Amino acid sequence: MSVQRALTLADRPAAAREAVDERGLVELAREGDGLAFRRLVEPHLPLLYRIAARMTGERAIAEDAVQEALTIAFRRLGSYDPGASSSAEPFRAFLAAIAARQAHGLIRGERRRAKRQERATTPYREPGPEEMHRVARLEEALREALAALPKKRREAVLLRLDAGLSHREIAAAIGSSEGSVRVLVHQALAELKERLGELL
């Protein structure tokens, strides 16, 4: 830095000097200067950890959120525009927003993982006699309801539900149009629901 530039900066208020320094560090970091990026983010780390910890409630997840946020912030420096923010500290706001989003995403993922684990560890329970009887009644009633359907409706709904075919595939299989198949499946489902309503 030239002596003239240093004297110019020294004459400015502290906030203005910090803004100039921040812009310079951003430019250096955009060019791949890791040290400049470190100097940029270090003053904001306590804030980022505080945001992440408040959202997640768990230190380890909060630390992961901050680490991911810093990685994302470094990648997004090219699109960072301090003039687009109304904040007096645009880079601080830029980092805080990323950290909040990452913390939210991680805690949601952790909750989903915990639910999956809980379901996986729930011991298998053999169905009781009443439940087995109910299932048997439902299966018998379903067979009777299907048998009562007109042939084309029955074929269409079985191919849709059991085989998982698309309406177009069913149309080709039973020699009908796709629109007709949609109507057949809809009618069949409505009739089955009506016949099995008490058992469902």
N, C-alpha and C. Protein backbone atom coordinates (compact mmCIF):
# COMPACT_ATOMS: atom_id res chain seq x y z
N MET A 1 0.86 -1.19 0.00
CA MET A 1 0.00 0.00 0.00
C MET A 1 0.89 1.24 0.00
N SER A 2 0.56 2.22 -0.86
CA SER A 2 1.38 3.43 -0.93
C SER A 2 1.17 4.27 0.32
N VAL A 3 2.16 5.16 0.59
CA VAL A 3 2.06 6.05 1.74
C VAL A 3 0.86 6.96 1.60
N GLN A 4 0.61 7.45 0.38
CA GLN A 4 -0.51 8.35 0.15
C GLN A 4 -1.84 7.66 0.45
N ARG A 5 -1.97 6.38 0.00
CA ARG A 5 -3.22 5.64 0.26
C ARG A 5 -3.38 5.40 1.75
N ALA A 6 -2.29 5.07 2.42
CA ALA A 6 -2.36 4.81 3.86
C ALA A 6 -2.80 6.06 4.61
N LEU A 7 -2.26 7.22 4.21
CA LEU A 7 -2.64 8.47 4.88
C LEU A 7 -4.10 8.81 4.59
N THR A 8 -4.54 8.51 3.36
CA THR A 8 -5.94 8.78 3.01
C THR A 8 -6.88 7.94 3.86
N LEU A 9 -6.53 6.66 4.01
CA LEU A 9 -7.36 5.77 4.82
C LEU A 9 -7.35 6.20 6.28
N ALA A 10 -6.21 6.63 6.75
CA ALA A 10 -6.09 7.01 8.16
C ALA A 10 -6.96 8.21 8.49
N ASP A 11 -7.21 9.08 7.49
CA ASP A 11 -8.02 10.26 7.71
C ASP A 11 -9.52 9.95 7.72
N ARG A 12 -9.89 8.75 7.28
CA ARG A 12 -11.31 8.41 7.19
C ARG A 12 -11.81 7.88 8.54
N PRO A 13 -13.13 7.99 8.79
CA PRO A 13 -13.69 7.38 9.99
C PRO A 13 -13.47 5.88 9.98
N ALA A 14 -13.48 5.27 11.18
CA ALA A 14 -13.20 3.84 11.29
C ALA A 14 -14.15 3.00 10.44
N ALA A 15 -15.45 3.32 10.46
CA ALA A 15 -16.43 2.53 9.70
C ALA A 15 -16.12 2.57 8.21
N ALA A 16 -15.73 3.75 7.73
CA ALA A 16 -15.41 3.88 6.30
C ALA A 16 -14.16 3.08 5.96
N ARG A 17 -13.14 3.14 6.87
CA ARG A 17 -11.92 2.36 6.61
C ARG A 17 -12.24 0.88 6.55
N GLU A 18 -13.12 0.41 7.48
CA GLU A 18 -13.47 -1.01 7.51
C GLU A 18 -14.18 -1.41 6.22
N ALA A 19 -15.05 -0.52 5.71
CA ALA A 19 -15.77 -0.83 4.48
C ALA A 19 -14.82 -0.97 3.31
N VAL A 20 -13.86 -0.04 3.23
CA VAL A 20 -12.86 -0.12 2.16
C VAL A 20 -12.04 -1.38 2.30
N ASP A 21 -11.60 -1.69 3.52
CA ASP A 21 -10.81 -2.90 3.75
C ASP A 21 -11.60 -4.14 3.37
N GLU A 22 -12.90 -4.15 3.72
CA GLU A 22 -13.74 -5.31 3.43
C GLU A 22 -13.87 -5.51 1.93
N ARG A 23 -14.09 -4.42 1.20
CA ARG A 23 -14.21 -4.54 -0.26
C ARG A 23 -12.92 -5.08 -0.86
N GLY A 24 -11.80 -4.60 -0.35
CA GLY A 24 -10.52 -5.08 -0.85
C GLY A 24 -10.32 -6.56 -0.56
N LEU A 25 -10.70 -6.98 0.64
CA LEU A 25 -10.57 -8.39 1.00
C LEU A 25 -11.49 -9.26 0.16
N VAL A 26 -12.69 -8.75 -0.12
CA VAL A 26 -13.62 -9.50 -0.97
C VAL A 26 -13.01 -9.72 -2.34
N GLU A 27 -12.42 -8.67 -2.90
CA GLU A 27 -11.81 -8.79 -4.22
C GLU A 27 -10.67 -9.81 -4.21
N LEU A 28 -9.85 -9.76 -3.17
CA LEU A 28 -8.75 -10.73 -3.07
C LEU A 28 -9.28 -12.15 -2.92
N ALA A 29 -10.31 -12.31 -2.07
CA ALA A 29 -10.88 -13.64 -1.85
C ALA A 29 -11.50 -14.18 -3.14
N ARG A 30 -12.10 -13.29 -3.93
CA ARG A 30 -12.68 -13.73 -5.21
C ARG A 30 -11.61 -14.28 -6.14
N GLU A 31 -10.40 -13.79 -5.98
CA GLU A 31 -9.28 -14.25 -6.81
C GLU A 31 -8.64 -15.51 -6.23
N GLY A 32 -9.22 -16.03 -5.14
CA GLY A 32 -8.73 -17.28 -4.57
C GLY A 32 -7.80 -17.12 -3.38
N ASP A 33 -7.71 -15.92 -2.83
CA ASP A 33 -6.83 -15.68 -1.69
C ASP A 33 -7.52 -16.18 -0.41
N GLY A 34 -7.07 -17.34 0.07
CA GLY A 34 -7.67 -17.95 1.26
C GLY A 34 -7.47 -17.13 2.51
N LEU A 35 -6.31 -16.49 2.64
CA LEU A 35 -6.02 -15.67 3.81
C LEU A 35 -6.96 -14.47 3.87
N ALA A 36 -7.22 -13.87 2.71
CA ALA A 36 -8.14 -12.74 2.67
C ALA A 36 -9.53 -13.17 3.10
N PHE A 37 -9.96 -14.34 2.65
CA PHE A 37 -11.28 -14.84 3.05
C PHE A 37 -11.33 -15.09 4.55
N ARG A 38 -10.25 -15.63 5.07
CA ARG A 38 -10.20 -15.87 6.51
C ARG A 38 -10.32 -14.57 7.29
N ARG A 39 -9.61 -13.54 6.85
CA ARG A 39 -9.70 -12.24 7.51
C ARG A 39 -11.11 -11.65 7.39
N LEU A 40 -11.78 -11.95 6.29
CA LEU A 40 -13.14 -11.47 6.08
C LEU A 40 -14.11 -12.08 7.08
N VAL A 41 -14.01 -13.40 7.26
CA VAL A 41 -15.04 -14.11 8.03
C VAL A 41 -14.76 -14.19 9.53
N GLU A 42 -13.50 -14.11 9.93
CA GLU A 42 -13.16 -14.30 11.34
C GLU A 42 -13.94 -13.37 12.28
N PRO A 43 -14.12 -12.09 11.96
CA PRO A 43 -14.87 -11.22 12.89
C PRO A 43 -16.33 -11.64 13.06
N HIS A 44 -16.85 -12.41 12.10
CA HIS A 44 -18.27 -12.76 12.12
C HIS A 44 -18.53 -14.16 12.66
N LEU A 45 -17.48 -14.93 12.94
CA LEU A 45 -17.67 -16.32 13.37
C LEU A 45 -18.53 -16.45 14.63
N PRO A 46 -18.29 -15.62 15.68
CA PRO A 46 -19.15 -15.75 16.87
C PRO A 46 -20.64 -15.58 16.54
N LEU A 47 -20.95 -14.63 15.66
CA LEU A 47 -22.34 -14.43 15.26
C LEU A 47 -22.88 -15.66 14.55
N LEU A 48 -22.10 -16.21 13.62
CA LEU A 48 -22.57 -17.36 12.85
C LEU A 48 -22.82 -18.56 13.77
N TYR A 49 -21.91 -18.80 14.72
CA TYR A 49 -22.10 -19.91 15.66
C TYR A 49 -23.34 -19.67 16.53
N ARG A 50 -23.54 -18.42 16.91
CA ARG A 50 -24.69 -18.11 17.76
C ARG A 50 -25.99 -18.37 17.01
N ILE A 51 -26.05 -17.96 15.75
CA ILE A 51 -27.25 -18.19 14.93
C ILE A 51 -27.50 -19.69 14.78
N ALA A 52 -26.45 -20.41 14.40
CA ALA A 52 -26.60 -21.84 14.15
C ALA A 52 -26.97 -22.60 15.42
N ALA A 53 -26.35 -22.23 16.54
CA ALA A 53 -26.64 -22.91 17.80
C ALA A 53 -28.06 -22.65 18.26
N ARG A 54 -28.53 -21.42 18.04
CA ARG A 54 -29.90 -21.10 18.46
C ARG A 54 -30.92 -21.87 17.63
N MET A 55 -30.62 -22.09 16.35
CA MET A 55 -31.55 -22.79 15.47
C MET A 55 -31.52 -24.29 15.67
N THR A 56 -30.33 -24.83 15.93
CA THR A 56 -30.21 -26.29 16.01
C THR A 56 -30.29 -26.83 17.43
N GLY A 57 -29.81 -26.04 18.39
CA GLY A 57 -29.81 -26.50 19.77
C GLY A 57 -28.75 -27.54 20.06
N GLU A 58 -27.91 -27.83 19.08
CA GLU A 58 -26.86 -28.84 19.26
C GLU A 58 -25.54 -28.30 18.73
N ARG A 59 -24.53 -28.37 19.57
CA ARG A 59 -23.24 -27.76 19.22
C ARG A 59 -22.63 -28.38 17.97
N ALA A 60 -22.65 -29.71 17.89
CA ALA A 60 -22.01 -30.37 16.75
C ALA A 60 -22.69 -29.99 15.43
N ILE A 61 -24.02 -29.96 15.43
CA ILE A 61 -24.74 -29.60 14.21
C ILE A 61 -24.50 -28.14 13.87
N ALA A 62 -24.43 -27.30 14.90
CA ALA A 62 -24.17 -25.87 14.68
C ALA A 62 -22.80 -25.68 14.04
N GLU A 63 -21.81 -26.40 14.52
CA GLU A 63 -20.46 -26.29 13.95
C GLU A 63 -20.45 -26.75 12.50
N ASP A 64 -21.16 -27.84 12.21
CA ASP A 64 -21.25 -28.30 10.82
C ASP A 64 -21.93 -27.25 9.94
N ALA A 65 -22.97 -26.63 10.48
CA ALA A 65 -23.70 -25.62 9.70
C ALA A 65 -22.79 -24.45 9.37
N VAL A 66 -21.99 -24.01 10.33
CA VAL A 66 -21.09 -22.88 10.09
C VAL A 66 -20.03 -23.25 9.06
N GLN A 67 -19.47 -24.45 9.18
CA GLN A 67 -18.46 -24.88 8.22
C GLN A 67 -19.03 -24.92 6.80
N GLU A 68 -20.23 -25.47 6.68
CA GLU A 68 -20.87 -25.52 5.36
C GLU A 68 -21.19 -24.12 4.85
N ALA A 69 -21.63 -23.26 5.76
CA ALA A 69 -21.96 -21.89 5.37
C ALA A 69 -20.72 -21.17 4.83
N LEU A 70 -19.58 -21.37 5.46
CA LEU A 70 -18.35 -20.72 5.00
C LEU A 70 -17.95 -21.23 3.62
N THR A 71 -18.10 -22.54 3.41
CA THR A 71 -17.78 -23.11 2.11
C THR A 71 -18.67 -22.52 1.03
N ILE A 72 -19.96 -22.43 1.33
CA ILE A 72 -20.92 -21.87 0.36
C ILE A 72 -20.63 -20.39 0.12
N ALA A 73 -20.33 -19.65 1.20
CA ALA A 73 -20.04 -18.22 1.06
C ALA A 73 -18.83 -18.00 0.16
N PHE A 74 -17.82 -18.81 0.31
CA PHE A 74 -16.61 -18.68 -0.53
C PHE A 74 -16.96 -18.92 -2.00
N ARG A 75 -17.81 -19.93 -2.25
CA ARG A 75 -18.20 -20.24 -3.63
C ARG A 75 -19.06 -19.13 -4.22
N ARG A 76 -19.83 -18.45 -3.37
CA ARG A 76 -20.78 -17.44 -3.87
C ARG A 76 -20.22 -16.03 -3.87
N LEU A 77 -18.96 -15.89 -3.56
CA LEU A 77 -18.37 -14.54 -3.53
C LEU A 77 -18.51 -13.85 -4.88
N GLY A 78 -18.47 -14.63 -5.94
CA GLY A 78 -18.58 -14.04 -7.28
C GLY A 78 -19.89 -13.33 -7.50
N SER A 79 -20.95 -13.80 -6.82
CA SER A 79 -22.27 -13.18 -7.01
C SER A 79 -22.61 -12.21 -5.87
N TYR A 80 -21.70 -12.08 -4.89
CA TYR A 80 -21.96 -11.18 -3.76
C TYR A 80 -21.89 -9.73 -4.23
N ASP A 81 -22.95 -8.98 -3.94
CA ASP A 81 -23.03 -7.57 -4.34
C ASP A 81 -23.40 -6.74 -3.11
N PRO A 82 -22.41 -6.08 -2.48
CA PRO A 82 -22.71 -5.31 -1.28
C PRO A 82 -23.72 -4.19 -1.52
N GLY A 83 -23.80 -3.71 -2.75
CA GLY A 83 -24.73 -2.63 -3.04
C GLY A 83 -26.18 -3.08 -3.10
N ALA A 84 -26.39 -4.41 -3.20
CA ALA A 84 -27.76 -4.92 -3.30
C ALA A 84 -28.42 -5.04 -1.94
N SER A 85 -27.65 -4.89 -0.86
CA SER A 85 -28.20 -5.03 0.49
C SER A 85 -28.44 -3.67 1.11
N SER A 86 -29.52 -3.57 1.88
CA SER A 86 -29.81 -2.32 2.59
C SER A 86 -29.13 -2.29 3.95
N SER A 87 -28.45 -3.38 4.30
CA SER A 87 -27.78 -3.47 5.59
C SER A 87 -26.56 -2.57 5.63
N ALA A 88 -26.27 -2.04 6.84
CA ALA A 88 -25.06 -1.23 7.00
C ALA A 88 -23.82 -2.12 6.95
N GLU A 89 -24.00 -3.40 7.18
CA GLU A 89 -22.90 -4.37 7.13
C GLU A 89 -23.30 -5.49 6.18
N PRO A 90 -23.21 -5.27 4.87
CA PRO A 90 -23.73 -6.24 3.90
C PRO A 90 -23.06 -7.60 3.96
N PHE A 91 -21.74 -7.65 4.22
CA PHE A 91 -21.08 -8.95 4.23
C PHE A 91 -21.52 -9.76 5.46
N ARG A 92 -21.70 -9.09 6.57
CA ARG A 92 -22.20 -9.74 7.77
C ARG A 92 -23.59 -10.33 7.51
N ALA A 93 -24.46 -9.54 6.84
CA ALA A 93 -25.80 -10.02 6.51
C ALA A 93 -25.74 -11.19 5.52
N PHE A 94 -24.83 -11.11 4.57
CA PHE A 94 -24.62 -12.16 3.57
C PHE A 94 -24.26 -13.48 4.26
N LEU A 95 -23.31 -13.44 5.18
CA LEU A 95 -22.89 -14.64 5.91
C LEU A 95 -23.99 -15.16 6.82
N ALA A 96 -24.65 -14.25 7.52
CA ALA A 96 -25.67 -14.67 8.48
C ALA A 96 -26.82 -15.38 7.78
N ALA A 97 -27.22 -14.90 6.61
CA ALA A 97 -28.32 -15.52 5.87
C ALA A 97 -27.96 -16.94 5.45
N ILE A 98 -26.72 -17.11 4.98
CA ILE A 98 -26.28 -18.44 4.56
C ILE A 98 -26.22 -19.38 5.76
N ALA A 99 -25.68 -18.90 6.87
CA ALA A 99 -25.58 -19.74 8.07
C ALA A 99 -26.96 -20.16 8.58
N ALA A 100 -27.90 -19.25 8.55
CA ALA A 100 -29.26 -19.57 9.01
C ALA A 100 -29.89 -20.64 8.12
N ARG A 101 -29.71 -20.50 6.80
CA ARG A 101 -30.29 -21.50 5.88
C ARG A 101 -29.65 -22.86 6.08
N GLN A 102 -28.33 -22.88 6.26
CA GLN A 102 -27.65 -24.16 6.45
C GLN A 102 -28.07 -24.82 7.75
N ALA A 103 -28.17 -24.04 8.81
CA ALA A 103 -28.58 -24.59 10.10
C ALA A 103 -29.98 -25.17 10.00
N HIS A 104 -30.86 -24.44 9.33
CA HIS A 104 -32.23 -24.93 9.17
C HIS A 104 -32.26 -26.24 8.38
N GLY A 105 -31.48 -26.29 7.31
CA GLY A 105 -31.44 -27.50 6.50
C GLY A 105 -30.87 -28.69 7.25
N LEU A 106 -29.81 -28.46 8.03
CA LEU A 106 -29.19 -29.56 8.77
C LEU A 106 -30.09 -30.09 9.87
N ILE A 107 -30.76 -29.20 10.59
CA ILE A 107 -31.61 -29.67 11.68
C ILE A 107 -32.82 -30.41 11.12
N ARG A 108 -33.33 -29.98 9.97
CA ARG A 108 -34.43 -30.72 9.34
C ARG A 108 -33.96 -32.11 8.92
N GLY A 109 -32.76 -32.16 8.34
CA GLY A 109 -32.21 -33.46 7.94
C GLY A 109 -31.97 -34.37 9.13
N GLU A 110 -31.50 -33.79 10.23
CA GLU A 110 -31.25 -34.58 11.43
C GLU A 110 -32.55 -35.12 12.02
N ARG A 111 -33.60 -34.32 11.98
CA ARG A 111 -34.90 -34.78 12.49
C ARG A 111 -35.45 -35.90 11.63
N ARG A 112 -35.30 -35.78 10.31
CA ARG A 112 -35.77 -36.85 9.43
C ARG A 112 -34.99 -38.13 9.68
N ARG A 113 -33.66 -37.98 9.88
CA ARG A 113 -32.83 -39.16 10.14
C ARG A 113 -33.24 -39.83 11.45
N ALA A 114 -33.52 -39.01 12.46
CA ALA A 114 -33.92 -39.57 13.76
C ALA A 114 -35.24 -40.31 13.65
N LYS A 115 -36.17 -39.76 12.86
CA LYS A 115 -37.46 -40.44 12.68
C LYS A 115 -37.29 -41.76 11.96
N ARG A 116 -36.42 -41.77 10.92
CA ARG A 116 -36.18 -43.02 10.20
C ARG A 116 -35.57 -44.06 11.12
N GLN A 117 -34.62 -43.61 11.95
CA GLN A 117 -33.97 -44.53 12.88
C GLN A 117 -34.97 -45.07 13.90
N GLU A 118 -35.85 -44.19 14.36
CA GLU A 118 -36.85 -44.61 15.33
C GLU A 118 -37.78 -45.66 14.74
N ARG A 119 -38.18 -45.44 13.47
CA ARG A 119 -39.05 -46.42 12.82
C ARG A 119 -38.32 -47.74 12.61
N ALA A 120 -37.01 -47.63 12.27
CA ALA A 120 -36.24 -48.85 12.01
C ALA A 120 -36.02 -49.67 13.27
N THR A 121 -35.94 -49.00 14.41
CA THR A 121 -35.66 -49.71 15.65
C THR A 121 -36.93 -50.11 16.40
N THR A 122 -38.10 -49.71 15.85
CA THR A 122 -39.35 -50.13 16.49
C THR A 122 -39.54 -51.62 16.30
N PRO A 123 -39.66 -52.37 17.38
CA PRO A 123 -39.76 -53.83 17.25
C PRO A 123 -41.00 -54.24 16.46
N TYR A 124 -40.82 -55.28 15.65
CA TYR A 124 -41.94 -55.78 14.86
C TYR A 124 -42.98 -56.41 15.78
N ARG A 125 -44.21 -56.08 15.54
CA ARG A 125 -45.31 -56.62 16.35
C ARG A 125 -46.17 -57.52 15.50
N GLU A 126 -46.27 -58.74 15.91
CA GLU A 126 -47.13 -59.68 15.20
C GLU A 126 -48.58 -59.21 15.29
N PRO A 127 -49.30 -59.25 14.17
CA PRO A 127 -50.71 -58.85 14.23
C PRO A 127 -51.51 -59.80 15.12
N GLY A 128 -52.41 -59.23 15.87
CA GLY A 128 -53.25 -60.03 16.75
C GLY A 128 -54.38 -60.68 15.98
N PRO A 129 -55.13 -61.56 16.64
CA PRO A 129 -56.24 -62.25 15.98
C PRO A 129 -57.27 -61.30 15.38
N GLU A 130 -57.59 -60.22 16.10
CA GLU A 130 -58.59 -59.28 15.61
C GLU A 130 -58.12 -58.59 14.34
N GLU A 131 -56.84 -58.21 14.34
CA GLU A 131 -56.29 -57.52 13.17
C GLU A 131 -56.23 -58.46 11.97
N MET A 132 -55.84 -59.72 12.21
CA MET A 132 -55.76 -60.69 11.12
C MET A 132 -57.16 -60.96 10.55
N HIS A 133 -58.15 -61.01 11.43
CA HIS A 133 -59.52 -61.23 10.98
C HIS A 133 -60.00 -60.04 10.14
N ARG A 134 -59.66 -58.84 10.57
CA ARG A 134 -60.06 -57.64 9.83
C ARG A 134 -59.42 -57.62 8.45
N VAL A 135 -58.14 -57.98 8.36
CA VAL A 135 -57.45 -58.01 7.07
C VAL A 135 -58.08 -59.06 6.15
N ALA A 136 -58.40 -60.21 6.71
CA ALA A 136 -59.02 -61.27 5.91
C ALA A 136 -60.38 -60.83 5.38
N ARG A 137 -61.16 -60.15 6.22
CA ARG A 137 -62.46 -59.64 5.79
C ARG A 137 -62.31 -58.62 4.67
N LEU A 138 -61.30 -57.74 4.83
CA LEU A 138 -61.07 -56.70 3.82
C LEU A 138 -60.66 -57.32 2.49
N GLU A 139 -59.79 -58.32 2.52
CA GLU A 139 -59.34 -58.97 1.28
C GLU A 139 -60.51 -59.66 0.57
N GLU A 140 -61.35 -60.34 1.35
CA GLU A 140 -62.50 -61.02 0.77
C GLU A 140 -63.48 -60.01 0.17
N ALA A 141 -63.72 -58.91 0.91
CA ALA A 141 -64.63 -57.89 0.41
C ALA A 141 -64.08 -57.24 -0.85
N LEU A 142 -62.76 -57.06 -0.92
CA LEU A 142 -62.14 -56.46 -2.10
C LEU A 142 -62.30 -57.38 -3.31
N ARG A 143 -62.09 -58.67 -3.10
CA ARG A 143 -62.27 -59.61 -4.20
C ARG A 143 -63.70 -59.58 -4.73
N GLU A 144 -64.66 -59.54 -3.80
CA GLU A 144 -66.06 -59.51 -4.21
C GLU A 144 -66.39 -58.21 -4.94
N ALA A 145 -65.85 -57.11 -4.44
CA ALA A 145 -66.12 -55.81 -5.07
C ALA A 145 -65.52 -55.75 -6.46
N LEU A 146 -64.32 -56.30 -6.63
CA LEU A 146 -63.69 -56.32 -7.95
C LEU A 146 -64.48 -57.20 -8.91
N ALA A 147 -64.95 -58.33 -8.40
CA ALA A 147 -65.71 -59.25 -9.25
C ALA A 147 -67.02 -58.63 -9.72
N ALA A 148 -67.55 -57.72 -8.92
CA ALA A 148 -68.82 -57.08 -9.28
C ALA A 148 -68.66 -55.97 -10.31
N LEU A 149 -67.43 -55.54 -10.55
CA LEU A 149 -67.20 -54.46 -11.52
C LEU A 149 -67.36 -54.97 -12.94
N PRO A 150 -67.79 -54.10 -13.85
CA PRO A 150 -67.75 -54.47 -15.27
C PRO A 150 -66.33 -54.83 -15.67
N LYS A 151 -66.22 -55.72 -16.67
CA LYS A 151 -64.92 -56.29 -17.03
C LYS A 151 -63.86 -55.22 -17.30
N LYS A 152 -64.19 -54.24 -18.13
CA LYS A 152 -63.17 -53.26 -18.51
C LYS A 152 -62.74 -52.41 -17.32
N ARG A 153 -63.70 -52.07 -16.47
CA ARG A 153 -63.34 -51.30 -15.26
C ARG A 153 -62.40 -52.13 -14.37
N ARG A 154 -62.75 -53.40 -14.22
CA ARG A 154 -61.94 -54.27 -13.36
C ARG A 154 -60.51 -54.40 -13.91
N GLU A 155 -60.41 -54.63 -15.21
CA GLU A 155 -59.08 -54.76 -15.83
C GLU A 155 -58.29 -53.47 -15.66
N ALA A 156 -58.94 -52.35 -15.92
CA ALA A 156 -58.23 -51.07 -15.86
C ALA A 156 -57.72 -50.77 -14.46
N VAL A 157 -58.56 -50.99 -13.45
CA VAL A 157 -58.15 -50.63 -12.10
C VAL A 157 -57.10 -51.61 -11.56
N LEU A 158 -57.20 -52.89 -11.96
CA LEU A 158 -56.18 -53.85 -11.52
C LEU A 158 -54.81 -53.53 -12.14
N LEU A 159 -54.84 -53.18 -13.43
CA LEU A 159 -53.58 -52.83 -14.09
C LEU A 159 -52.98 -51.55 -13.51
N ARG A 160 -53.85 -50.65 -13.04
CA ARG A 160 -53.38 -49.40 -12.45
C ARG A 160 -52.83 -49.63 -11.05
N LEU A 161 -53.57 -50.37 -10.22
CA LEU A 161 -53.19 -50.52 -8.82
C LEU A 161 -52.16 -51.63 -8.61
N ASP A 162 -52.39 -52.78 -9.21
CA ASP A 162 -51.50 -53.91 -8.97
C ASP A 162 -50.24 -53.87 -9.83
N ALA A 163 -50.42 -53.54 -11.12
CA ALA A 163 -49.27 -53.54 -12.03
C ALA A 163 -48.55 -52.20 -12.07
N GLY A 164 -49.24 -51.13 -11.60
CA GLY A 164 -48.61 -49.81 -11.60
C GLY A 164 -48.43 -49.22 -12.98
N LEU A 165 -49.27 -49.65 -13.94
CA LEU A 165 -49.15 -49.14 -15.30
C LEU A 165 -49.71 -47.73 -15.42
N SER A 166 -49.19 -46.99 -16.37
CA SER A 166 -49.72 -45.66 -16.65
C SER A 166 -51.03 -45.79 -17.41
N HIS A 167 -51.79 -44.70 -17.49
CA HIS A 167 -53.04 -44.74 -18.23
C HIS A 167 -52.78 -45.07 -19.70
N ARG A 168 -51.70 -44.58 -20.24
CA ARG A 168 -51.37 -44.85 -21.65
C ARG A 168 -51.07 -46.33 -21.85
N GLU A 169 -50.32 -46.91 -20.91
CA GLU A 169 -49.98 -48.34 -21.02
C GLU A 169 -51.22 -49.21 -20.87
N ILE A 170 -52.12 -48.82 -19.97
CA ILE A 170 -53.36 -49.58 -19.79
C ILE A 170 -54.20 -49.50 -21.05
N ALA A 171 -54.26 -48.32 -21.65
CA ALA A 171 -55.04 -48.13 -22.88
C ALA A 171 -54.55 -49.08 -23.97
N ALA A 172 -53.23 -49.20 -24.10
CA ALA A 172 -52.67 -50.10 -25.11
C ALA A 172 -52.97 -51.55 -24.77
N ALA A 173 -52.97 -51.87 -23.48
CA ALA A 173 -53.17 -53.25 -23.06
C ALA A 173 -54.61 -53.73 -23.27
N ILE A 174 -55.58 -52.84 -23.05
CA ILE A 174 -56.98 -53.27 -23.14
C ILE A 174 -57.66 -52.77 -24.40
N GLY A 175 -56.91 -52.13 -25.28
CA GLY A 175 -57.46 -51.68 -26.55
C GLY A 175 -58.45 -50.54 -26.41
N SER A 176 -58.07 -49.52 -25.62
CA SER A 176 -58.96 -48.39 -25.41
C SER A 176 -58.16 -47.11 -25.52
N SER A 177 -58.83 -45.99 -25.42
CA SER A 177 -58.13 -44.71 -25.46
C SER A 177 -57.67 -44.32 -24.06
N GLU A 178 -56.68 -43.44 -24.00
CA GLU A 178 -56.16 -43.01 -22.70
C GLU A 178 -57.24 -42.29 -21.89
N GLY A 179 -58.04 -41.46 -22.57
CA GLY A 179 -59.11 -40.75 -21.88
C GLY A 179 -60.14 -41.70 -21.30
N SER A 180 -60.49 -42.74 -22.06
CA SER A 180 -61.46 -43.72 -21.58
C SER A 180 -60.93 -44.47 -20.37
N VAL A 181 -59.62 -44.76 -20.39
CA VAL A 181 -59.01 -45.48 -19.27
C VAL A 181 -59.07 -44.64 -18.01
N ARG A 182 -58.83 -43.35 -18.14
CA ARG A 182 -58.90 -42.48 -16.96
C ARG A 182 -60.30 -42.53 -16.34
N VAL A 183 -61.30 -42.52 -17.20
CA VAL A 183 -62.69 -42.58 -16.72
C VAL A 183 -62.95 -43.93 -16.07
N LEU A 184 -62.51 -45.01 -16.69
CA LEU A 184 -62.72 -46.35 -16.15
C LEU A 184 -62.09 -46.51 -14.77
N VAL A 185 -60.85 -46.05 -14.64
CA VAL A 185 -60.15 -46.16 -13.35
C VAL A 185 -60.84 -45.32 -12.29
N HIS A 186 -61.23 -44.11 -12.66
CA HIS A 186 -61.92 -43.23 -11.71
C HIS A 186 -63.23 -43.85 -11.23
N GLN A 187 -64.01 -44.38 -12.17
CA GLN A 187 -65.28 -45.01 -11.81
C GLN A 187 -65.07 -46.23 -10.93
N ALA A 188 -64.07 -47.04 -11.28
CA ALA A 188 -63.80 -48.25 -10.51
C ALA A 188 -63.39 -47.91 -9.08
N LEU A 189 -62.52 -46.93 -8.93
CA LEU A 189 -62.07 -46.54 -7.59
C LEU A 189 -63.22 -45.99 -6.76
N ALA A 190 -64.07 -45.21 -7.39
CA ALA A 190 -65.22 -44.66 -6.67
C ALA A 190 -66.15 -45.77 -6.20
N GLU A 191 -66.36 -46.75 -7.06
CA GLU A 191 -67.25 -47.86 -6.69
C GLU A 191 -66.64 -48.72 -5.60
N LEU A 192 -65.34 -48.98 -5.70
CA LEU A 192 -64.66 -49.77 -4.66
C LEU A 192 -64.70 -49.07 -3.33
N LYS A 193 -64.47 -47.77 -3.35
CA LYS A 193 -64.50 -46.99 -2.11
C LYS A 193 -65.87 -47.05 -1.47
N GLU A 194 -66.90 -46.98 -2.31
CA GLU A 194 -68.27 -47.02 -1.78
C GLU A 194 -68.58 -48.38 -1.18
N ARG A 195 -68.15 -49.47 -1.84
CA ARG A 195 -68.43 -50.81 -1.36
C ARG A 195 -67.63 -51.17 -0.11
N LEU A 196 -66.40 -50.62 -0.02
CA LEU A 196 -65.51 -51.00 1.09
C LEU A 196 -65.46 -49.96 2.19
N GLY A 197 -66.25 -48.93 2.07
CA GLY A 197 -66.17 -47.79 2.99
C GLY A 197 -66.15 -48.17 4.46
N GLU A 198 -67.01 -49.10 4.86
CA GLU A 198 -67.10 -49.45 6.29
C GLU A 198 -65.88 -50.20 6.77
N LEU A 199 -65.16 -50.86 5.85
CA LEU A 199 -64.00 -51.66 6.26
C LEU A 199 -62.69 -50.90 6.21
N LEU A 200 -62.69 -49.75 5.52
CA LEU A 200 -61.45 -48.98 5.36
C LEU A 200 -61.19 -48.10 6.58
